[in-house]
Amino acid sequence: MTGQRDRWAELTGGQAGEEYAQRFARLAASGHDIHGEASFCAALLKPAARVLDAGCGTGRIAIRLAELGHHCTGVDVDASMLAVARREAPTQEWLLGDLARLDALGLDPDFDLVLAAGNVIPLLAPDTGATVVGHLAAALRPGGLLVTGMGLDAAHLPLDEAPLTITEFDQWCARAGLTLRQRYATWSGDPYDDGVGYAVSVHTRPAT
């Protein structure tokens, strides 16, 4: 652990797993598509790709990607969320760990895609963002993709204000050796314009 609580823990007390799972169960039951992130990622992947879901929560996305034939590892610092993931998909790999110390988990750095959805980046502990992005980039194989989704204003975050700008995030990625490939305003692929409140970004690690 870093010794500093992440913003998610400050908001939830680390006890939100069941409530979070029930929320998405209700959405699915009402006819909402709860697999937008997984569909977005699947369109970028070749068959049987290796995926790291960083900040996987209850495993919703990683479980869906595994159903589509990919090999998924989930990492989260919230034990209550991982308890749900392990119950729903006991044969998948779920790791309890702080993304600011991802290197301590000993993962092979050959993931085809690393995902940080669900406002993972804005909800990190203060002053750990650049370190986390560096670890996520290091987990990628050459040519691999970092896919992130994050709110950029209070309307798209469970916070009073956004703790970072998209420019700052791109700077972290650049320092980690990543290049921006695509950016959208939604997981459905709507065009991104400066000033919108949400960004889905695809960065790539150079192949050489």
C-alpha atoms as a PDB file:
ATOM      1  CA  MET A   1       0.000   0.000   0.000  1.00  0.00           C
ATOM      2  CA  THR A   2       1.088   3.570  -0.535  1.00  0.00           C
ATOM      3  CA  GLY A   3       0.073   4.714   2.938  1.00  0.00           C
ATOM      4  CA  GLN A   4      -2.431   7.157   1.443  1.00  0.00           C
ATOM      5  CA  ARG A   5      -6.065   6.208   0.827  1.00  0.00           C
ATOM      6  CA  ASP A   6      -7.341   6.474  -2.713  1.00  0.00           C
ATOM      7  CA  ARG A   7     -10.336   8.690  -3.401  1.00  0.00           C
ATOM      8  CA  TRP A   8     -12.556   5.642  -4.003  1.00  0.00           C
ATOM      9  CA  ALA A   9     -11.837   4.386  -0.478  1.00  0.00           C
ATOM     10  CA  GLU A  10     -12.568   7.824   0.942  1.00  0.00           C
ATOM     11  CA  LEU A  11     -15.945   7.772  -0.806  1.00  0.00           C
ATOM     12  CA  THR A  12     -16.977   4.199   0.011  1.00  0.00           C
ATOM     13  CA  GLY A  13     -14.980   3.024   2.990  1.00  0.00           C
ATOM     14  CA  GLY A  14     -13.997  -0.035   0.966  1.00  0.00           C
ATOM     15  CA  GLN A  15     -17.403  -1.650   1.504  1.00  0.00           C
ATOM     16  CA  ALA A  16     -19.209  -0.932  -1.759  1.00  0.00           C
ATOM     17  CA  GLY A  17     -18.877  -4.268  -3.559  1.00  0.00           C
ATOM     18  CA  GLU A  18     -22.375  -5.659  -3.102  1.00  0.00           C
ATOM     19  CA  GLU A  19     -24.088  -2.303  -3.628  1.00  0.00           C
ATOM     20  CA  TYR A  20     -22.071  -1.708  -6.803  1.00  0.00           C
ATOM     21  CA  ALA A  21     -22.950  -5.147  -8.181  1.00  0.00           C
ATOM     22  CA  GLN A  22     -26.641  -4.674  -7.423  1.00  0.00           C
ATOM     23  CA  ARG A  23     -26.647  -1.335  -9.204  1.00  0.00           C
ATOM     24  CA  PHE A  24     -25.468  -2.902 -12.447  1.00  0.00           C
ATOM     25  CA  ALA A  25     -27.791  -5.867 -12.005  1.00  0.00           C
ATOM     26  CA  ARG A  26     -30.712  -3.443 -11.853  1.00  0.00           C
ATOM     27  CA  LEU A  27     -29.478  -1.646 -14.974  1.00  0.00           C
ATOM     28  CA  ALA A  28     -29.182  -4.935 -16.859  1.00  0.00           C
ATOM     29  CA  ALA A  29     -32.640  -6.035 -15.719  1.00  0.00           C
ATOM     30  CA  SER A  30     -34.116  -2.768 -17.000  1.00  0.00           C
ATOM     31  CA  GLY A  31     -32.665  -3.365 -20.453  1.00  0.00           C
ATOM     32  CA  HIS A  32     -29.553  -1.195 -20.321  1.00  0.00           C
ATOM     33  CA  ASP A  33     -26.416  -2.368 -22.099  1.00  0.00           C
ATOM     34  CA  ILE A  34     -23.865  -2.756 -19.313  1.00  0.00           C
ATOM     35  CA  HIS A  35     -21.132  -4.072 -21.586  1.00  0.00           C
ATOM     36  CA  GLY A  36     -20.147  -0.932 -23.463  1.00  0.00           C
ATOM     37  CA  GLU A  37     -16.584  -0.902 -22.165  1.00  0.00           C
ATOM     38  CA  ALA A  38     -16.078  -4.582 -22.965  1.00  0.00           C
ATOM     39  CA  SER A  39     -17.474  -4.159 -26.468  1.00  0.00           C
ATOM     40  CA  PHE A  40     -15.181  -1.178 -27.052  1.00  0.00           C
ATOM     41  CA  CYS A  41     -12.122  -3.145 -25.937  1.00  0.00           C
ATOM     42  CA  ALA A  42     -13.109  -6.298 -27.824  1.00  0.00           C
ATOM     43  CA  ALA A  43     -13.173  -4.314 -31.072  1.00  0.00           C
ATOM     44  CA  LEU A  44      -9.484  -3.455 -30.522  1.00  0.00           C
ATOM     45  CA  LEU A  45      -8.333  -6.995 -29.732  1.00  0.00           C
ATOM     46  CA  LYS A  46      -7.304 -10.043 -31.679  1.00  0.00           C
ATOM     47  CA  PRO A  47      -8.715 -13.402 -30.536  1.00  0.00           C
ATOM     48  CA  ALA A  48      -7.548 -14.770 -27.184  1.00  0.00           C
ATOM     49  CA  ALA A  49      -5.784 -11.540 -26.206  1.00  0.00           C
ATOM     50  CA  ARG A  50      -4.284 -11.007 -22.767  1.00  0.00           C
ATOM     51  CA  VAL A  51      -6.044  -8.220 -20.857  1.00  0.00           C
ATOM     52  CA  LEU A  52      -5.281  -6.553 -17.524  1.00  0.00           C
ATOM     53  CA  ASP A  53      -8.318  -4.888 -15.966  1.00  0.00           C
ATOM     54  CA  ALA A  54      -6.696  -2.390 -13.610  1.00  0.00           C
ATOM     55  CA  GLY A  55      -9.199  -1.311 -10.983  1.00  0.00           C
ATOM     56  CA  CYS A  56     -11.487  -4.153 -12.047  1.00  0.00           C
ATOM     57  CA  GLY A  57     -14.045  -3.654  -9.282  1.00  0.00           C
ATOM     58  CA  THR A  58     -16.639  -6.423  -9.289  1.00  0.00           C
ATOM     59  CA  GLY A  59     -15.196  -7.840 -12.508  1.00  0.00           C
ATOM     60  CA  ARG A  60     -18.058  -6.852 -14.808  1.00  0.00           C
ATOM     61  CA  ILE A  61     -15.817  -5.962 -17.749  1.00  0.00           C
ATOM     62  CA  ALA A  62     -13.179  -8.665 -17.303  1.00  0.00           C
ATOM     63  CA  ILE A  63     -15.858 -11.351 -16.994  1.00  0.00           C
ATOM     64  CA  ARG A  64     -17.511 -10.212 -20.208  1.00  0.00           C
ATOM     65  CA  LEU A  65     -14.184 -10.104 -22.072  1.00  0.00           C
ATOM     66  CA  ALA A  66     -13.433 -13.635 -20.843  1.00  0.00           C
ATOM     67  CA  GLU A  67     -16.813 -14.725 -22.181  1.00  0.00           C
ATOM     68  CA  LEU A  68     -15.670 -13.324 -25.536  1.00  0.00           C
ATOM     69  CA  GLY A  69     -12.580 -15.530 -25.442  1.00  0.00           C
ATOM     70  CA  HIS A  70      -9.913 -13.296 -23.948  1.00  0.00           C
ATOM     71  CA  HIS A  71      -7.572 -14.072 -21.040  1.00  0.00           C
ATOM     72  CA  CYS A  72      -8.237 -11.541 -18.295  1.00  0.00           C
ATOM     73  CA  THR A  73      -6.544 -10.662 -15.035  1.00  0.00           C
ATOM     74  CA  GLY A  74      -8.282  -8.268 -12.662  1.00  0.00           C
ATOM     75  CA  VAL A  75      -6.553  -6.138 -10.031  1.00  0.00           C
ATOM     76  CA  ASP A  76      -8.260  -4.003  -7.409  1.00  0.00           C
ATOM     77  CA  VAL A  77      -7.422  -2.542  -4.009  1.00  0.00           C
ATOM     78  CA  ASP A  78     -11.028  -2.916  -2.756  1.00  0.00           C
ATOM     79  CA  ALA A  79     -11.488  -6.371  -1.216  1.00  0.00           C
ATOM     80  CA  SER A  80     -15.278  -6.006  -1.138  1.00  0.00           C
ATOM     81  CA  MET A  81     -15.347  -5.545  -4.919  1.00  0.00           C
ATOM     82  CA  LEU A  82     -13.006  -8.472  -5.522  1.00  0.00           C
ATOM     83  CA  ALA A  83     -15.185 -10.696  -3.330  1.00  0.00           C
ATOM     84  CA  VAL A  84     -18.007 -10.211  -5.830  1.00  0.00           C
ATOM     85  CA  ALA A  85     -15.708 -10.837  -8.798  1.00  0.00           C
ATOM     86  CA  ARG A  86     -14.404 -14.059  -7.273  1.00  0.00           C
ATOM     87  CA  ARG A  87     -17.933 -15.256  -6.560  1.00  0.00           C
ATOM     88  CA  GLU A  88     -19.136 -14.498 -10.078  1.00  0.00           C
ATOM     89  CA  ALA A  89     -16.085 -15.910 -11.900  1.00  0.00           C
ATOM     90  CA  PRO A  90     -14.069 -18.117  -9.526  1.00  0.00           C
ATOM     91  CA  THR A  91     -11.793 -19.507 -12.244  1.00  0.00           C
ATOM     92  CA  GLN A  92     -10.547 -16.107 -13.395  1.00  0.00           C
ATOM     93  CA  GLU A  93      -7.471 -14.438 -11.916  1.00  0.00           C
ATOM     94  CA  TRP A  94      -8.329 -11.733  -9.398  1.00  0.00           C
ATOM     95  CA  LEU A  95      -5.522  -9.982  -7.525  1.00  0.00           C
ATOM     96  CA  LEU A  96      -5.753  -7.688  -4.515  1.00  0.00           C
ATOM     97  CA  GLY A  97      -3.283  -4.883  -5.015  1.00  0.00           C
ATOM     98  CA  ASP A  98      -2.625  -1.171  -5.105  1.00  0.00           C
ATOM     99  CA  LEU A  99      -2.087   0.101  -8.654  1.00  0.00           C
ATOM    100  CA  ALA A 100       0.577   2.459  -7.320  1.00  0.00           C
ATOM    101  CA  ARG A 101       2.545  -0.700  -6.483  1.00  0.00           C
ATOM    102  CA  LEU A 102       1.466  -2.836  -9.418  1.00  0.00           C
ATOM    103  CA  ASP A 103       5.074  -3.854  -9.980  1.00  0.00           C
ATOM    104  CA  ALA A 104       5.004  -5.725  -6.652  1.00  0.00           C
ATOM    105  CA  LEU A 105       2.504  -8.255  -8.060  1.00  0.00           C
ATOM    106  CA  GLY A 106       5.088  -9.761 -10.398  1.00  0.00           C
ATOM    107  CA  LEU A 107       2.895  -9.724 -13.509  1.00  0.00           C
ATOM    108  CA  ASP A 108       4.470 -10.628 -16.827  1.00  0.00           C
ATOM    109  CA  PRO A 109       4.728  -7.434 -18.929  1.00  0.00           C
ATOM    110  CA  ASP A 110       3.072  -8.875 -22.004  1.00  0.00           C
ATOM    111  CA  PHE A 111      -0.531  -7.691 -21.871  1.00  0.00           C
ATOM    112  CA  ASP A 112      -2.133  -6.832 -25.196  1.00  0.00           C
ATOM    113  CA  LEU A 113      -4.441  -4.346 -23.519  1.00  0.00           C
ATOM    114  CA  VAL A 114      -4.540  -2.706 -20.103  1.00  0.00           C
ATOM    115  CA  LEU A 115      -7.875  -1.188 -19.123  1.00  0.00           C
ATOM    116  CA  ALA A 116      -8.581   1.464 -16.494  1.00  0.00           C
ATOM    117  CA  ALA A 117     -12.305   2.179 -16.765  1.00  0.00           C
ATOM    118  CA  GLY A 118     -14.859   3.437 -14.262  1.00  0.00           C
ATOM    119  CA  ASN A 119     -12.974   6.607 -13.288  1.00  0.00           C
ATOM    120  CA  VAL A 120     -10.059   4.576 -11.952  1.00  0.00           C
ATOM    121  CA  ILE A 121      -7.529   7.296 -12.781  1.00  0.00           C
ATOM    122  CA  PRO A 122      -9.358  10.265 -11.167  1.00  0.00           C
ATOM    123  CA  LEU A 123     -10.111   8.195  -8.059  1.00  0.00           C
ATOM    124  CA  LEU A 124      -6.503   7.220  -7.354  1.00  0.00           C
ATOM    125  CA  ALA A 125      -4.776   8.475  -4.241  1.00  0.00           C
ATOM    126  CA  PRO A 126      -3.516  12.043  -4.705  1.00  0.00           C
ATOM    127  CA  ASP A 127      -0.096  12.371  -6.333  1.00  0.00           C
ATOM    128  CA  THR A 128       0.013   8.737  -7.511  1.00  0.00           C
ATOM    129  CA  GLY A 129      -1.430   9.178 -11.003  1.00  0.00           C
ATOM    130  CA  ALA A 130       1.825   9.459 -12.917  1.00  0.00           C
ATOM    131  CA  THR A 131       3.269   6.475 -11.039  1.00  0.00           C
ATOM    132  CA  VAL A 132       0.201   4.347 -11.787  1.00  0.00           C
ATOM    133  CA  VAL A 133       0.225   5.241 -15.480  1.00  0.00           C
ATOM    134  CA  GLY A 134       3.897   4.293 -15.582  1.00  0.00           C
ATOM    135  CA  HIS A 135       3.127   0.871 -14.093  1.00  0.00           C
ATOM    136  CA  LEU A 136       0.216   0.312 -16.478  1.00  0.00           C
ATOM    137  CA  ALA A 137       2.409   1.198 -19.450  1.00  0.00           C
ATOM    138  CA  ALA A 138       5.144  -1.142 -18.223  1.00  0.00           C
ATOM    139  CA  ALA A 139       2.653  -4.030 -18.149  1.00  0.00           C
ATOM    140  CA  LEU A 140       2.025  -3.735 -21.889  1.00  0.00           C
ATOM    141  CA  ARG A 141       3.801  -5.686 -24.590  1.00  0.00           C
ATOM    142  CA  PRO A 142       5.321  -3.571 -27.383  1.00  0.00           C
ATOM    143  CA  GLY A 143       2.390  -2.455 -29.512  1.00  0.00           C
ATOM    144  CA  GLY A 144      -0.045  -2.969 -26.638  1.00  0.00           C
ATOM    145  CA  LEU A 145      -2.860  -0.573 -25.772  1.00  0.00           C
ATOM    146  CA  LEU A 146      -3.793   1.375 -22.653  1.00  0.00           C
ATOM    147  CA  VAL A 147      -7.537   2.109 -22.655  1.00  0.00           C
ATOM    148  CA  THR A 148      -8.936   4.527 -20.095  1.00  0.00           C
ATOM    149  CA  GLY A 149     -12.259   6.128 -19.357  1.00  0.00           C
ATOM    150  CA  MET A 150     -12.578   9.084 -17.014  1.00  0.00           C
ATOM    151  CA  GLY A 151     -14.758  12.002 -16.081  1.00  0.00           C
ATOM    152  CA  LEU A 152     -13.277  15.425 -16.584  1.00  0.00           C
ATOM    153  CA  ASP A 153     -15.739  17.490 -14.553  1.00  0.00           C
ATOM    154  CA  ALA A 154     -17.917  17.179 -11.465  1.00  0.00           C
ATOM    155  CA  ALA A 155     -20.930  16.143 -13.543  1.00  0.00           C
ATOM    156  CA  HIS A 156     -19.109  12.967 -14.584  1.00  0.00           C
ATOM    157  CA  LEU A 157     -17.362  12.216 -11.283  1.00  0.00           C
ATOM    158  CA  PRO A 158     -18.400  11.415  -7.704  1.00  0.00           C
ATOM    159  CA  LEU A 159     -16.231  14.373  -6.680  1.00  0.00           C
ATOM    160  CA  ASP A 160     -16.778  18.098  -6.290  1.00  0.00           C
ATOM    161  CA  GLU A 161     -14.167  18.802  -8.951  1.00  0.00           C
ATOM    162  CA  ALA A 162     -11.915  16.902 -11.310  1.00  0.00           C
ATOM    163  CA  PRO A 163      -8.488  16.182  -9.770  1.00  0.00           C
ATOM    164  CA  LEU A 164      -6.732  16.259 -13.152  1.00  0.00           C
ATOM    165  CA  THR A 165      -7.112  17.528 -16.687  1.00  0.00           C
ATOM    166  CA  ILE A 166      -6.879  15.491 -19.844  1.00  0.00           C
ATOM    167  CA  THR A 167      -3.705  17.433 -20.699  1.00  0.00           C
ATOM    168  CA  GLU A 168      -2.086  16.307 -17.454  1.00  0.00           C
ATOM    169  CA  PHE A 169      -3.122  12.724 -18.135  1.00  0.00           C
ATOM    170  CA  ASP A 170      -1.614  12.837 -21.631  1.00  0.00           C
ATOM    171  CA  GLN A 171       1.603  14.190 -20.128  1.00  0.00           C
ATOM    172  CA  TRP A 172       1.745  11.219 -17.738  1.00  0.00           C
ATOM    173  CA  CYS A 173       1.223   8.873 -20.677  1.00  0.00           C
ATOM    174  CA  ALA A 174       3.925  10.573 -22.727  1.00  0.00           C
ATOM    175  CA  ARG A 175       6.397  10.272 -19.856  1.00  0.00           C
ATOM    176  CA  ALA A 176       5.542   6.564 -19.680  1.00  0.00           C
ATOM    177  CA  GLY A 177       6.378   6.172 -23.370  1.00  0.00           C
ATOM    178  CA  LEU A 178       2.804   6.009 -24.658  1.00  0.00           C
ATOM    179  CA  THR A 179       1.310   7.736 -27.681  1.00  0.00           C
ATOM    180  CA  LEU A 180      -2.328   8.798 -28.044  1.00  0.00           C
ATOM    181  CA  ARG A 181      -4.011   6.828 -30.823  1.00  0.00           C
ATOM    182  CA  GLN A 182      -7.697   7.619 -30.411  1.00  0.00           C
ATOM    183  CA  ARG A 183      -9.986   9.578 -28.113  1.00  0.00           C
ATOM    184  CA  TYR A 184     -13.769   9.521 -27.824  1.00  0.00           C
ATOM    185  CA  ALA A 185     -16.412  11.154 -25.641  1.00  0.00           C
ATOM    186  CA  THR A 186     -18.172   7.860 -24.827  1.00  0.00           C
ATOM    187  CA  TRP A 187     -17.619   4.114 -24.893  1.00  0.00           C
ATOM    188  CA  SER A 188     -19.952   4.091 -27.905  1.00  0.00           C
ATOM    189  CA  GLY A 189     -17.352   6.028 -29.889  1.00  0.00           C
ATOM    190  CA  ASP A 190     -18.958   9.480 -29.989  1.00  0.00           C
ATOM    191  CA  PRO A 191     -16.509  12.151 -31.171  1.00  0.00           C
ATOM    192  CA  TYR A 192     -14.427  13.899 -28.540  1.00  0.00           C
ATOM    193  CA  ASP A 193     -14.185  17.685 -28.423  1.00  0.00           C
ATOM    194  CA  ASP A 194     -12.358  19.888 -25.974  1.00  0.00           C
ATOM    195  CA  GLY A 195     -14.657  20.793 -23.123  1.00  0.00           C
ATOM    196  CA  VAL A 196     -16.717  17.603 -23.006  1.00  0.00           C
ATOM    197  CA  GLY A 197     -17.014  16.019 -19.602  1.00  0.00           C
ATOM    198  CA  TYR A 198     -15.781  12.502 -20.332  1.00  0.00           C
ATOM    199  CA  ALA A 199     -12.901  10.985 -22.271  1.00  0.00           C
ATOM    200  CA  VAL A 200     -12.271   7.457 -23.503  1.00  0.00           C
ATOM    201  CA  SER A 201      -8.649   7.343 -24.568  1.00  0.00           C
ATOM    202  CA  VAL A 202      -6.589   4.737 -26.393  1.00  0.00           C
ATOM    203  CA  HIS A 203      -2.819   5.089 -25.957  1.00  0.00           C
ATOM    204  CA  THR A 204      -0.305   2.698 -27.473  1.00  0.00           C
ATOM    205  CA  ARG A 205       3.118   1.525 -26.462  1.00  0.00           C
ATOM    206  CA  PRO A 206       5.429   1.738 -29.487  1.00  0.00           C
ATOM    207  CA  ALA A 207       6.140  -1.585 -31.127  1.00  0.00           C
ATOM    208  CA  THR A 208       9.890  -0.947 -31.117  1.00  0.00           C
END
